[in-house]
Amino acid sequence: MSDDLITPSLTEFPNAPVSWSPQDSETIAEAEGLDLTADHWAVIQALQEYFARNDGPIKVRELQDALHERFHQIGGRRKLFQILPGGPVAQGCRLAGLQSPPGSVDLSFGSVY
């Protein structure tokens, strides 16, 4: 994946929450010190697709495993934590306009997924 900084159109996100737009992600990313690349947008699409396909409560571990599998070719978890230092699940969900699953952030243990 390239490091283009082009904002994709809403049509590229068929599983996006109704109230979400790519500009929302850019605003959040800027506040969190991120420059969104094609890799970030791919994670956002993957998260939105996962949430759309999975009914009921989302389990953090299953979501982590799905992301690792989906992005294995570019480095899996290691790459995801490099591009989303706030956690691929927690920070990724914020960028994707999704509710983070319970347990994705546990500051008492210093863990963020």
Protein backbone atom coordinates (compact mmCIF):
# COMPACT_ATOMS: atom_id res chain seq x y z
CA MET A 1 0.00 0.00 0.00
CA SER A 2 1.22 3.46 -0.76
CA ASP A 3 1.49 6.45 1.53
CA ASP A 4 -0.84 8.73 -0.46
CA LEU A 5 -2.47 11.45 1.62
CA ILE A 6 -5.57 11.70 -0.56
CA THR A 7 -8.95 11.70 1.16
CA PRO A 8 -11.10 8.94 -0.29
CA SER A 9 -14.73 9.54 -1.17
CA LEU A 10 -17.60 8.27 0.97
CA THR A 11 -18.52 5.77 -1.78
CA GLU A 12 -15.33 3.86 -0.94
CA PHE A 13 -16.81 3.09 2.50
CA PRO A 14 -20.04 1.15 1.86
CA ASN A 15 -20.13 -0.15 5.45
CA ALA A 16 -19.59 3.22 7.13
CA PRO A 17 -21.87 4.32 9.95
CA VAL A 18 -24.56 6.69 8.65
CA SER A 19 -23.25 9.69 10.60
CA TRP A 20 -19.58 9.14 9.58
CA SER A 21 -17.55 10.80 6.80
CA PRO A 22 -13.88 10.61 5.79
CA GLN A 23 -13.52 14.21 6.97
CA ASP A 24 -14.47 13.03 10.48
CA SER A 25 -11.48 10.68 10.39
CA GLU A 26 -9.19 13.46 9.22
CA THR A 27 -10.33 15.71 12.08
CA ILE A 28 -9.74 12.97 14.67
CA ALA A 29 -6.40 12.02 13.11
CA GLU A 30 -5.19 15.61 13.19
CA ALA A 31 -6.18 15.92 16.86
CA GLU A 32 -4.29 12.68 17.60
CA GLY A 33 -1.21 13.67 15.59
CA LEU A 34 -1.68 11.26 12.68
CA ASP A 35 -1.31 11.87 8.96
CA LEU A 36 -3.71 9.44 7.31
CA THR A 37 -2.18 7.26 4.59
CA ALA A 38 -3.63 4.59 2.33
CA ASP A 39 -2.81 2.04 5.06
CA HIS A 40 -4.93 3.96 7.59
CA TRP A 41 -7.85 4.14 5.17
CA ALA A 42 -7.57 0.39 4.53
CA VAL A 43 -7.79 -0.28 8.29
CA ILE A 44 -10.81 2.03 8.56
CA GLN A 45 -12.53 0.15 5.72
CA ALA A 46 -11.66 -3.21 7.29
CA LEU A 47 -13.05 -2.18 10.68
CA GLN A 48 -16.29 -0.86 9.19
CA GLU A 49 -16.68 -4.05 7.15
CA TYR A 50 -16.01 -6.26 10.20
CA PHE A 51 -18.61 -4.43 12.30
CA ALA A 52 -21.16 -4.59 9.45
CA ARG A 53 -20.70 -8.36 9.04
CA ASN A 54 -20.71 -9.29 12.73
CA ASP A 55 -23.94 -9.04 14.65
CA GLY A 56 -23.98 -8.84 18.41
CA PRO A 57 -21.17 -7.82 20.72
CA ILE A 58 -17.74 -7.52 19.13
CA LYS A 59 -14.96 -9.35 20.97
CA VAL A 60 -11.65 -7.52 21.06
CA ARG A 61 -9.53 -10.64 20.60
CA GLU A 62 -11.50 -11.82 17.57
CA LEU A 63 -11.27 -8.36 16.01
CA GLN A 64 -7.51 -8.23 16.64
CA ASP A 65 -7.10 -11.63 15.01
CA ALA A 66 -9.21 -10.59 12.01
CA LEU A 67 -7.14 -7.42 11.53
CA HIS A 68 -3.88 -9.37 11.86
CA GLU A 69 -5.05 -11.86 9.25
CA ARG A 70 -6.30 -9.15 6.89
CA PHE A 71 -3.04 -7.16 7.09
CA HIS A 72 -0.63 -10.07 7.46
CA GLN A 73 1.01 -9.33 4.09
CA ILE A 74 2.15 -5.88 5.23
CA GLY A 75 3.28 -6.93 8.70
CA GLY A 76 0.12 -7.75 10.65
CA ARG A 77 -0.11 -6.55 14.26
CA ARG A 78 3.36 -5.00 14.21
CA LYS A 79 2.50 -2.78 11.24
CA LEU A 80 -0.94 -1.95 12.66
CA PHE A 81 0.59 -0.74 15.93
CA GLN A 82 3.17 1.28 13.96
CA ILE A 83 0.53 3.20 12.03
CA LEU A 84 -2.00 3.34 14.88
CA PRO A 85 0.04 3.83 18.07
CA GLY A 86 -3.16 4.34 20.05
CA GLY A 87 -4.07 0.72 19.23
CA PRO A 88 -5.43 -0.64 15.95
CA VAL A 89 -8.76 -1.46 17.60
CA ALA A 90 -9.21 1.53 19.93
CA GLN A 91 -7.75 4.25 17.71
CA GLY A 92 -8.94 2.53 14.54
CA CYS A 93 -12.52 2.44 15.81
CA ARG A 94 -12.38 6.15 16.69
CA LEU A 95 -11.20 6.94 13.16
CA ALA A 96 -13.84 4.63 11.63
CA GLY A 97 -16.70 6.18 13.59
CA LEU A 98 -17.32 2.96 15.52
CA GLN A 99 -17.80 2.19 19.20
CA SER A 100 -14.67 0.49 20.56
CA PRO A 101 -15.43 -2.98 21.91
CA PRO A 102 -15.29 -3.42 25.69
CA GLY A 103 -11.77 -4.19 26.85
CA SER A 104 -10.00 -2.47 23.95
CA VAL A 105 -8.62 0.14 26.35
CA ASP A 106 -7.63 -0.77 29.89
CA LEU A 107 -5.49 2.04 31.24
CA SER A 108 -5.26 0.37 34.65
CA PHE A 109 -3.06 -2.24 32.99
CA GLY A 110 -1.55 0.20 30.51
CA SER A 111 -2.92 -1.76 27.59
CA VAL A 112 -4.52 -0.42 24.44
CA TYR A 113 -5.51 -2.72 21.58
